[in-house]
Amino acid sequence: CRTGSISSGPVQPTWVPFGSTIAHRRRLRFTLDVYDSTWSSRLHQPTYSLGELINIEASVSTDPRLPLRVFVDECVASPSAVARLKYEIIADNG
């Protein structure tokens, strides 16, 4: 003999992964900064010649409880945002 009630409704999860919650509620802020040859000072309007070494730092601002890594697959440089002339800085998935 069975007593009580049984529901046949679908089971819903009672939790949401923390990473999904953060990504959904906030946008992540990505930055790309250029530094001098000693990595001690950020350069605001750098100018480089072809073949010259460029110190680039890519980063993302996020909650410290959600550690993220930034992977740069490609990066190009051009004289302006609308110029068709582009130079590959990082290519072939880094």
PDB file of N, CA and C in Angstrom:
ATOM      1  N   CYS A   1       0.849  -1.168   0.000  1.00  0.00           N
ATOM      2  CA  CYS A   1       0.000   0.000   0.000  1.00  0.00           C
ATOM      3  C   CYS A   1       0.899   1.237   0.000  1.00  0.00           C
ATOM      4  N   ARG A   2       0.657   2.188  -0.905  1.00  0.00           N
ATOM      5  CA  ARG A   2       1.458   3.404  -1.033  1.00  0.00           C
ATOM      6  C   ARG A   2       0.687   4.565  -0.430  1.00  0.00           C
ATOM      7  N   THR A   3       1.401   5.418   0.322  1.00  0.00           N
ATOM      8  CA  THR A   3       0.774   6.612   0.878  1.00  0.00           C
ATOM      9  C   THR A   3       1.572   7.834   0.479  1.00  0.00           C
ATOM     10  N   GLY A   4       0.975   9.012   0.517  1.00  0.00           N
ATOM     11  CA  GLY A   4       1.647  10.252   0.150  1.00  0.00           C
ATOM     12  C   GLY A   4       1.329  10.621  -1.288  1.00  0.00           C
ATOM     13  N   SER A   5       1.963  11.688  -1.801  1.00  0.00           N
ATOM     14  CA  SER A   5       1.711  12.096  -3.183  1.00  0.00           C
ATOM     15  C   SER A   5       3.013  12.082  -3.961  1.00  0.00           C
ATOM     16  N   ILE A   6       2.895  11.868  -5.246  1.00  0.00           N
ATOM     17  CA  ILE A   6       4.051  11.836  -6.127  1.00  0.00           C
ATOM     18  C   ILE A   6       3.785  12.796  -7.272  1.00  0.00           C
ATOM     19  N   SER A   7       4.773  13.652  -7.611  1.00  0.00           N
ATOM     20  CA  SER A   7       4.636  14.589  -8.708  1.00  0.00           C
ATOM     21  C   SER A   7       5.422  14.060  -9.901  1.00  0.00           C
ATOM     22  N   SER A   8       4.873  14.218 -11.091  1.00  0.00           N
ATOM     23  CA  SER A   8       5.584  13.772 -12.282  1.00  0.00           C
ATOM     24  C   SER A   8       6.198  14.947 -13.044  1.00  0.00           C
ATOM     25  N   GLY A   9       6.277  16.118 -12.402  1.00  0.00           N
ATOM     26  CA  GLY A   9       6.867  17.287 -13.051  1.00  0.00           C
ATOM     27  C   GLY A   9       8.356  17.097 -13.273  1.00  0.00           C
ATOM     28  N   PRO A  10       8.942  17.795 -14.269  1.00  0.00           N
ATOM     29  CA  PRO A  10      10.367  17.642 -14.545  1.00  0.00           C
ATOM     30  C   PRO A  10      11.218  18.178 -13.394  1.00  0.00           C
ATOM     31  N   VAL A  11      12.369  17.575 -13.222  1.00  0.00           N
ATOM     32  CA  VAL A  11      13.306  17.995 -12.181  1.00  0.00           C
ATOM     33  C   VAL A  11      14.098  19.176 -12.712  1.00  0.00           C
ATOM     34  N   GLN A  12      14.171  20.260 -11.966  1.00  0.00           N
ATOM     35  CA  GLN A  12      14.934  21.453 -12.337  1.00  0.00           C
ATOM     36  C   GLN A  12      16.154  21.555 -11.443  1.00  0.00           C
ATOM     37  N   PRO A  13      17.316  21.893 -11.997  1.00  0.00           N
ATOM     38  CA  PRO A  13      18.492  22.057 -11.128  1.00  0.00           C
ATOM     39  C   PRO A  13      18.291  23.239 -10.186  1.00  0.00           C
ATOM     40  N   THR A  14      18.831  23.117  -8.987  1.00  0.00           N
ATOM     41  CA  THR A  14      18.692  24.186  -7.997  1.00  0.00           C
ATOM     42  C   THR A  14      19.937  25.058  -7.936  1.00  0.00           C
ATOM     43  N   TRP A  15      20.907  24.828  -8.801  1.00  0.00           N
ATOM     44  CA  TRP A  15      22.144  25.613  -8.805  1.00  0.00           C
ATOM     45  C   TRP A  15      22.487  26.006 -10.229  1.00  0.00           C
ATOM     46  N   VAL A  16      23.268  27.061 -10.344  1.00  0.00           N
ATOM     47  CA  VAL A  16      23.786  27.524 -11.622  1.00  0.00           C
ATOM     48  C   VAL A  16      25.288  27.685 -11.439  1.00  0.00           C
ATOM     49  N   PRO A  17      26.105  27.190 -12.376  1.00  0.00           N
ATOM     50  CA  PRO A  17      27.558  27.339 -12.223  1.00  0.00           C
ATOM     51  C   PRO A  17      27.958  28.799 -12.026  1.00  0.00           C
ATOM     52  N   PHE A  18      28.890  29.039 -11.096  1.00  0.00           N
ATOM     53  CA  PHE A  18      29.320  30.397 -10.760  1.00  0.00           C
ATOM     54  C   PHE A  18      29.841  31.143 -11.980  1.00  0.00           C
ATOM     55  N   GLY A  19      30.665  30.485 -12.804  1.00  0.00           N
ATOM     56  CA  GLY A  19      31.216  31.137 -13.995  1.00  0.00           C
ATOM     57  C   GLY A  19      30.141  31.608 -14.941  1.00  0.00           C
ATOM     58  N   SER A  20      29.107  30.815 -15.129  1.00  0.00           N
ATOM     59  CA  SER A  20      28.000  31.206 -16.009  1.00  0.00           C
ATOM     60  C   SER A  20      27.267  32.407 -15.453  1.00  0.00           C
ATOM     61  N   THR A  21      27.096  32.446 -14.143  1.00  0.00           N
ATOM     62  CA  THR A  21      26.405  33.567 -13.502  1.00  0.00           C
ATOM     63  C   THR A  21      27.174  34.864 -13.702  1.00  0.00           C
ATOM     64  N   ILE A  22      28.476  34.843 -13.477  1.00  0.00           N
ATOM     65  CA  ILE A  22      29.298  36.045 -13.631  1.00  0.00           C
ATOM     66  C   ILE A  22      29.274  36.513 -15.080  1.00  0.00           C
ATOM     67  N   ALA A  23      29.482  35.601 -16.019  1.00  0.00           N
ATOM     68  CA  ALA A  23      29.520  35.982 -17.432  1.00  0.00           C
ATOM     69  C   ALA A  23      28.173  36.529 -17.889  1.00  0.00           C
ATOM     70  N   HIS A  24      27.089  36.011 -17.330  1.00  0.00           N
ATOM     71  CA  HIS A  24      25.757  36.453 -17.739  1.00  0.00           C
ATOM     72  C   HIS A  24      25.410  37.825 -17.157  1.00  0.00           C
ATOM     73  N   ARG A  25      25.789  38.077 -15.932  1.00  0.00           N
ATOM     74  CA  ARG A  25      25.388  39.315 -15.254  1.00  0.00           C
ATOM     75  C   ARG A  25      26.288  40.499 -15.534  1.00  0.00           C
ATOM     76  N   ARG A  26      27.545  40.259 -15.863  1.00  0.00           N
ATOM     77  CA  ARG A  26      28.497  41.350 -16.104  1.00  0.00           C
ATOM     78  C   ARG A  26      29.238  41.116 -17.397  1.00  0.00           C
ATOM     79  N   ARG A  27      29.583  42.194 -18.028  1.00  0.00           N
ATOM     80  CA  ARG A  27      30.468  42.068 -19.186  1.00  0.00           C
ATOM     81  C   ARG A  27      31.901  42.091 -18.683  1.00  0.00           C
ATOM     82  N   LEU A  28      32.738  41.348 -19.351  1.00  0.00           N
ATOM     83  CA  LEU A  28      34.146  41.316 -18.985  1.00  0.00           C
ATOM     84  C   LEU A  28      34.865  42.450 -19.705  1.00  0.00           C
ATOM     85  N   ARG A  29      35.811  43.086 -19.026  1.00  0.00           N
ATOM     86  CA  ARG A  29      36.543  44.218 -19.591  1.00  0.00           C
ATOM     87  C   ARG A  29      37.930  43.750 -20.015  1.00  0.00           C
ATOM     88  N   PHE A  30      38.169  43.737 -21.311  1.00  0.00           N
ATOM     89  CA  PHE A  30      39.464  43.328 -21.854  1.00  0.00           C
ATOM     90  C   PHE A  30      40.299  44.560 -22.163  1.00  0.00           C
ATOM     91  N   THR A  31      41.601  44.471 -21.910  1.00  0.00           N
ATOM     92  CA  THR A  31      42.507  45.567 -22.240  1.00  0.00           C
ATOM     93  C   THR A  31      43.736  45.013 -22.955  1.00  0.00           C
ATOM     94  N   LEU A  32      44.308  45.841 -23.775  1.00  0.00           N
ATOM     95  CA  LEU A  32      45.551  45.528 -24.469  1.00  0.00           C
ATOM     96  C   LEU A  32      46.461  46.737 -24.273  1.00  0.00           C
ATOM     97  N   ASP A  33      47.518  46.579 -23.496  1.00  0.00           N
ATOM     98  CA  ASP A  33      48.427  47.681 -23.183  1.00  0.00           C
ATOM     99  C   ASP A  33      49.805  47.414 -23.780  1.00  0.00           C
ATOM    100  N   VAL A  34      50.496  48.493 -24.118  1.00  0.00           N
ATOM    101  CA  VAL A  34      51.847  48.422 -24.667  1.00  0.00           C
ATOM    102  C   VAL A  34      52.801  49.044 -23.656  1.00  0.00           C
ATOM    103  N   TYR A  35      53.913  48.360 -23.408  1.00  0.00           N
ATOM    104  CA  TYR A  35      54.890  48.816 -22.414  1.00  0.00           C
ATOM    105  C   TYR A  35      56.231  49.124 -23.063  1.00  0.00           C
ATOM    106  N   ASP A  36      57.058  49.874 -22.327  1.00  0.00           N
ATOM    107  CA  ASP A  36      58.413  50.178 -22.802  1.00  0.00           C
ATOM    108  C   ASP A  36      59.272  48.919 -22.740  1.00  0.00           C
ATOM    109  N   SER A  37      60.524  49.023 -23.148  1.00  0.00           N
ATOM    110  CA  SER A  37      61.400  47.856 -23.253  1.00  0.00           C
ATOM    111  C   SER A  37      61.721  47.198 -21.915  1.00  0.00           C
ATOM    112  N   THR A  38      61.509  47.901 -20.796  1.00  0.00           N
ATOM    113  CA  THR A  38      61.786  47.328 -19.474  1.00  0.00           C
ATOM    114  C   THR A  38      60.516  46.863 -18.758  1.00  0.00           C
ATOM    115  N   TRP A  39      59.371  46.981 -19.395  1.00  0.00           N
ATOM    116  CA  TRP A  39      58.071  46.630 -18.822  1.00  0.00           C
ATOM    117  C   TRP A  39      57.728  47.468 -17.590  1.00  0.00           C
ATOM    118  N   SER A  40      58.348  48.618 -17.420  1.00  0.00           N
ATOM    119  CA  SER A  40      58.102  49.435 -16.229  1.00  0.00           C
ATOM    120  C   SER A  40      57.087  50.548 -16.469  1.00  0.00           C
ATOM    121  N   SER A  41      56.896  50.966 -17.708  1.00  0.00           N
ATOM    122  CA  SER A  41      55.976  52.074 -18.002  1.00  0.00           C
ATOM    123  C   SER A  41      55.075  51.729 -19.176  1.00  0.00           C
ATOM    124  N   ARG A  42      53.796  52.013 -18.998  1.00  0.00           N
ATOM    125  CA  ARG A  42      52.835  51.810 -20.081  1.00  0.00           C
ATOM    126  C   ARG A  42      52.959  52.968 -21.055  1.00  0.00           C
ATOM    127  N   LEU A  43      52.952  52.670 -22.341  1.00  0.00           N
ATOM    128  CA  LEU A  43      53.059  53.697 -23.375  1.00  0.00           C
ATOM    129  C   LEU A  43      51.666  54.029 -23.894  1.00  0.00           C
ATOM    130  N   HIS A  44      51.365  55.323 -24.004  1.00  0.00           N
ATOM    131  CA  HIS A  44      50.014  55.742 -24.386  1.00  0.00           C
ATOM    132  C   HIS A  44      49.829  55.878 -25.895  1.00  0.00           C
ATOM    133  N   GLN A  45      50.836  56.342 -26.612  1.00  0.00           N
ATOM    134  CA  GLN A  45      50.755  56.456 -28.069  1.00  0.00           C
ATOM    135  C   GLN A  45      52.078  56.007 -28.678  1.00  0.00           C
ATOM    136  N   PRO A  46      52.343  54.702 -28.613  1.00  0.00           N
ATOM    137  CA  PRO A  46      53.636  54.215 -29.110  1.00  0.00           C
ATOM    138  C   PRO A  46      53.715  54.223 -30.627  1.00  0.00           C
ATOM    139  N   THR A  47      54.925  54.369 -31.127  1.00  0.00           N
ATOM    140  CA  THR A  47      55.208  54.270 -32.556  1.00  0.00           C
ATOM    141  C   THR A  47      56.343  53.277 -32.721  1.00  0.00           C
ATOM    142  N   TYR A  48      56.175  52.347 -33.651  1.00  0.00           N
ATOM    143  CA  TYR A  48      57.175  51.311 -33.862  1.00  0.00           C
ATOM    144  C   TYR A  48      57.536  51.214 -35.335  1.00  0.00           C
ATOM    145  N   SER A  49      58.729  50.707 -35.588  1.00  0.00           N
ATOM    146  CA  SER A  49      59.175  50.412 -36.954  1.00  0.00           C
ATOM    147  C   SER A  49      59.050  48.910 -37.175  1.00  0.00           C
ATOM    148  N   LEU A  50      58.954  48.502 -38.442  1.00  0.00           N
ATOM    149  CA  LEU A  50      58.879  47.076 -38.751  1.00  0.00           C
ATOM    150  C   LEU A  50      60.081  46.348 -38.171  1.00  0.00           C
ATOM    151  N   GLY A  51      59.838  45.208 -37.555  1.00  0.00           N
ATOM    152  CA  GLY A  51      60.905  44.403 -36.985  1.00  0.00           C
ATOM    153  C   GLY A  51      61.262  44.756 -35.548  1.00  0.00           C
ATOM    154  N   GLU A  52      60.738  45.848 -35.041  1.00  0.00           N
ATOM    155  CA  GLU A  52      61.041  46.270 -33.676  1.00  0.00           C
ATOM    156  C   GLU A  52      60.208  45.458 -32.677  1.00  0.00           C
ATOM    157  N   LEU A  53      60.785  45.121 -31.520  1.00  0.00           N
ATOM    158  CA  LEU A  53      60.116  44.366 -30.475  1.00  0.00           C
ATOM    159  C   LEU A  53      59.029  45.212 -29.819  1.00  0.00           C
ATOM    160  N   ILE A  54      57.852  44.616 -29.611  1.00  0.00           N
ATOM    161  CA  ILE A  54      56.731  45.303 -28.956  1.00  0.00           C
ATOM    162  C   ILE A  54      56.341  44.508 -27.725  1.00  0.00           C
ATOM    163  N   ASN A  55      56.297  45.150 -26.570  1.00  0.00           N
ATOM    164  CA  ASN A  55      55.869  44.503 -25.327  1.00  0.00           C
ATOM    165  C   ASN A  55      54.380  44.772 -25.118  1.00  0.00           C
ATOM    166  N   ILE A  56      53.567  43.725 -25.318  1.00  0.00           N
ATOM    167  CA  ILE A  56      52.114  43.850 -25.237  1.00  0.00           C
ATOM    168  C   ILE A  56      51.599  43.015 -24.074  1.00  0.00           C
ATOM    169  N   GLU A  57      50.683  43.594 -23.295  1.00  0.00           N
ATOM    170  CA  GLU A  57      50.020  42.864 -22.214  1.00  0.00           C
ATOM    171  C   GLU A  57      48.520  42.835 -22.490  1.00  0.00           C
ATOM    172  N   ALA A  58      47.964  41.640 -22.601  1.00  0.00           N
ATOM    173  CA  ALA A  58      46.520  41.471 -22.749  1.00  0.00           C
ATOM    174  C   ALA A  58      45.982  41.013 -21.398  1.00  0.00           C
ATOM    175  N   SER A  59      44.872  41.616 -20.952  1.00  0.00           N
ATOM    176  CA  SER A  59      44.318  41.239 -19.656  1.00  0.00           C
ATOM    177  C   SER A  59      42.802  41.356 -19.668  1.00  0.00           C
ATOM    178  N   VAL A  60      42.184  40.766 -18.648  1.00  0.00           N
ATOM    179  CA  VAL A  60      40.742  40.840 -18.472  1.00  0.00           C
ATOM    180  C   VAL A  60      40.474  41.133 -17.002  1.00  0.00           C
ATOM    181  N   SER A  61      39.558  42.070 -16.745  1.00  0.00           N
ATOM    182  CA  SER A  61      39.173  42.402 -15.375  1.00  0.00           C
ATOM    183  C   SER A  61      37.955  41.567 -15.013  1.00  0.00           C
ATOM    184  N   THR A  62      38.041  40.873 -13.896  1.00  0.00           N
ATOM    185  CA  THR A  62      36.950  40.012 -13.464  1.00  0.00           C
ATOM    186  C   THR A  62      36.999  39.843 -11.951  1.00  0.00           C
ATOM    187  N   ASP A  63      36.058  39.145 -11.434  1.00  0.00           N
ATOM    188  CA  ASP A  63      35.997  38.825 -10.008  1.00  0.00           C
ATOM    189  C   ASP A  63      37.191  37.935  -9.661  1.00  0.00           C
ATOM    190  N   PRO A  64      37.888  38.202  -8.548  1.00  0.00           N
ATOM    191  CA  PRO A  64      39.054  37.388  -8.191  1.00  0.00           C
ATOM    192  C   PRO A  64      38.707  35.914  -7.958  1.00  0.00           C
ATOM    193  N   ARG A  65      37.442  35.619  -7.661  1.00  0.00           N
ATOM    194  CA  ARG A  65      37.041  34.229  -7.439  1.00  0.00           C
ATOM    195  C   ARG A  65      36.847  33.474  -8.749  1.00  0.00           C
ATOM    196  N   LEU A  66      36.917  34.190  -9.874  1.00  0.00           N
ATOM    197  CA  LEU A  66      36.763  33.578 -11.185  1.00  0.00           C
ATOM    198  C   LEU A  66      38.044  33.797 -11.978  1.00  0.00           C
ATOM    199  N   PRO A  67      39.080  32.989 -11.730  1.00  0.00           N
ATOM    200  CA  PRO A  67      40.350  33.199 -12.438  1.00  0.00           C
ATOM    201  C   PRO A  67      40.208  32.868 -13.915  1.00  0.00           C
ATOM    202  N   LEU A  68      40.612  33.804 -14.755  1.00  0.00           N
ATOM    203  CA  LEU A  68      40.559  33.607 -16.200  1.00  0.00           C
ATOM    204  C   LEU A  68      41.930  33.829 -16.801  1.00  0.00           C
ATOM    205  N   ARG A  69      42.199  33.177 -17.909  1.00  0.00           N
ATOM    206  CA  ARG A  69      43.408  33.396 -18.684  1.00  0.00           C
ATOM    207  C   ARG A  69      42.995  33.985 -20.023  1.00  0.00           C
ATOM    208  N   VAL A  70      43.844  34.852 -20.553  1.00  0.00           N
ATOM    209  CA  VAL A  70      43.582  35.458 -21.855  1.00  0.00           C
ATOM    210  C   VAL A  70      44.527  34.811 -22.867  1.00  0.00           C
ATOM    211  N   PHE A  71      43.955  34.311 -23.947  1.00  0.00           N
ATOM    212  CA  PHE A  71      44.743  33.758 -25.047  1.00  0.00           C
ATOM    213  C   PHE A  71      44.499  34.639 -26.264  1.00  0.00           C
ATOM    214  N   VAL A  72      45.571  35.104 -26.890  1.00  0.00           N
ATOM    215  CA  VAL A  72      45.461  35.970 -28.061  1.00  0.00           C
ATOM    216  C   VAL A  72      45.815  35.147 -29.292  1.00  0.00           C
ATOM    217  N   ASP A  73      44.835  34.956 -30.168  1.00  0.00           N
ATOM    218  CA  ASP A  73      45.046  34.177 -31.386  1.00  0.00           C
ATOM    219  C   ASP A  73      45.687  34.997 -32.486  1.00  0.00           C
ATOM    220  N   GLU A  74      45.296  36.262 -32.579  1.00  0.00           N
ATOM    221  CA  GLU A  74      45.881  37.124 -33.604  1.00  0.00           C
ATOM    222  C   GLU A  74      45.773  38.575 -33.185  1.00  0.00           C
ATOM    223  N   CYS A  75      46.688  39.384 -33.703  1.00  0.00           N
ATOM    224  CA  CYS A  75      46.708  40.813 -33.427  1.00  0.00           C
ATOM    225  C   CYS A  75      47.331  41.483 -34.646  1.00  0.00           C
ATOM    226  N   VAL A  76      46.726  42.563 -35.098  1.00  0.00           N
ATOM    227  CA  VAL A  76      47.256  43.299 -36.244  1.00  0.00           C
ATOM    228  C   VAL A  76      47.452  44.761 -35.877  1.00  0.00           C
ATOM    229  N   ALA A  77      48.370  45.399 -36.560  1.00  0.00           N
ATOM    230  CA  ALA A  77      48.606  46.831 -36.385  1.00  0.00           C
ATOM    231  C   ALA A  77      48.343  47.514 -37.721  1.00  0.00           C
ATOM    232  N   SER A  78      47.810  48.728 -37.659  1.00  0.00           N
ATOM    233  CA  SER A  78      47.565  49.506 -38.874  1.00  0.00           C
ATOM    234  C   SER A  78      47.711  50.985 -38.546  1.00  0.00           C
ATOM    235  N   PRO A  79      47.926  51.810 -39.567  1.00  0.00           N
ATOM    236  CA  PRO A  79      48.081  53.251 -39.333  1.00  0.00           C
ATOM    237  C   PRO A  79      46.840  53.900 -38.721  1.00  0.00           C
ATOM    238  N   SER A  80      45.663  53.340 -38.979  1.00  0.00           N
ATOM    239  CA  SER A  80      44.422  53.870 -38.399  1.00  0.00           C
ATOM    240  C   SER A  80      43.388  52.751 -38.356  1.00  0.00           C
ATOM    241  N   ALA A  81      42.284  53.006 -37.684  1.00  0.00           N
ATOM    242  CA  ALA A  81      41.238  51.989 -37.545  1.00  0.00           C
ATOM    243  C   ALA A  81      40.577  51.651 -38.873  1.00  0.00           C
ATOM    244  N   VAL A  82      40.590  52.576 -39.829  1.00  0.00           N
ATOM    245  CA  VAL A  82      39.925  52.343 -41.111  1.00  0.00           C
ATOM    246  C   VAL A  82      40.894  51.993 -42.241  1.00  0.00           C
ATOM    247  N   ALA A  83      42.181  51.981 -41.964  1.00  0.00           N
ATOM    248  CA  ALA A  83      43.178  51.696 -43.001  1.00  0.00           C
ATOM    249  C   ALA A  83      43.109  50.239 -43.442  1.00  0.00           C
ATOM    250  N   ARG A  84      43.314  50.016 -44.725  1.00  0.00           N
ATOM    251  CA  ARG A  84      43.337  48.645 -45.246  1.00  0.00           C
ATOM    252  C   ARG A  84      44.705  47.999 -45.018  1.00  0.00           C
ATOM    253  N   LEU A  85      45.734  48.805 -44.847  1.00  0.00           N
ATOM    254  CA  LEU A  85      47.080  48.303 -44.611  1.00  0.00           C
ATOM    255  C   LEU A  85      47.167  47.780 -43.180  1.00  0.00           C
ATOM    256  N   LYS A  86      47.517  46.504 -43.023  1.00  0.00           N
ATOM    257  CA  LYS A  86      47.609  45.897 -41.701  1.00  0.00           C
ATOM    258  C   LYS A  86      48.872  45.045 -41.627  1.00  0.00           C
ATOM    259  N   TYR A  87      49.505  45.052 -40.453  1.00  0.00           N
ATOM    260  CA  TYR A  87      50.686  44.240 -40.195  1.00  0.00           C
ATOM    261  C   TYR A  87      50.348  43.251 -39.091  1.00  0.00           C
ATOM    262  N   GLU A  88      50.649  41.981 -39.327  1.00  0.00           N
ATOM    263  CA  GLU A  88      50.401  40.963 -38.307  1.00  0.00           C
ATOM    264  C   GLU A  88      51.415  41.097 -37.180  1.00  0.00           C
ATOM    265  N   ILE A  89      50.920  41.218 -35.973  1.00  0.00           N
ATOM    266  CA  ILE A  89      51.772  41.272 -34.788  1.00  0.00           C
ATOM    267  C   ILE A  89      51.812  39.882 -34.154  1.00  0.00           C
ATOM    268  N   ILE A  90      50.660  39.278 -34.002  1.00  0.00           N
ATOM    269  CA  ILE A  90      50.531  37.905 -33.511  1.00  0.00           C
ATOM    270  C   ILE A  90      49.679  37.159 -34.531  1.00  0.00           C
ATOM    271  N   ALA A  91      50.147  35.986 -34.962  1.00  0.00           N
ATOM    272  CA  ALA A  91      49.416  35.207 -35.962  1.00  0.00           C
ATOM    273  C   ALA A  91      49.466  33.720 -35.619  1.00  0.00           C
ATOM    274  N   ASP A  92      48.664  32.957 -36.288  1.00  0.00           N
ATOM    275  CA  ASP A  92      48.656  31.495 -36.164  1.00  0.00           C
ATOM    276  C   ASP A  92      48.458  31.038 -34.722  1.00  0.00           C
ATOM    277  N   ASN A  93      47.440  31.603 -34.070  1.00  0.00           N
ATOM    278  CA  ASN A  93      47.077  31.226 -32.687  1.00  0.00           C
ATOM    279  C   ASN A  93      48.181  31.503 -31.682  1.00  0.00           C
ATOM    280  N   GLY A  94      48.904  32.604 -31.866  1.00  0.00           N
ATOM    281  CA  GLY A  94      49.888  33.033 -30.892  1.00  0.00           C
ATOM    282  C   GLY A  94      51.226  32.421 -31.134  1.00  0.00           C
TER     283      GLY A  94
END
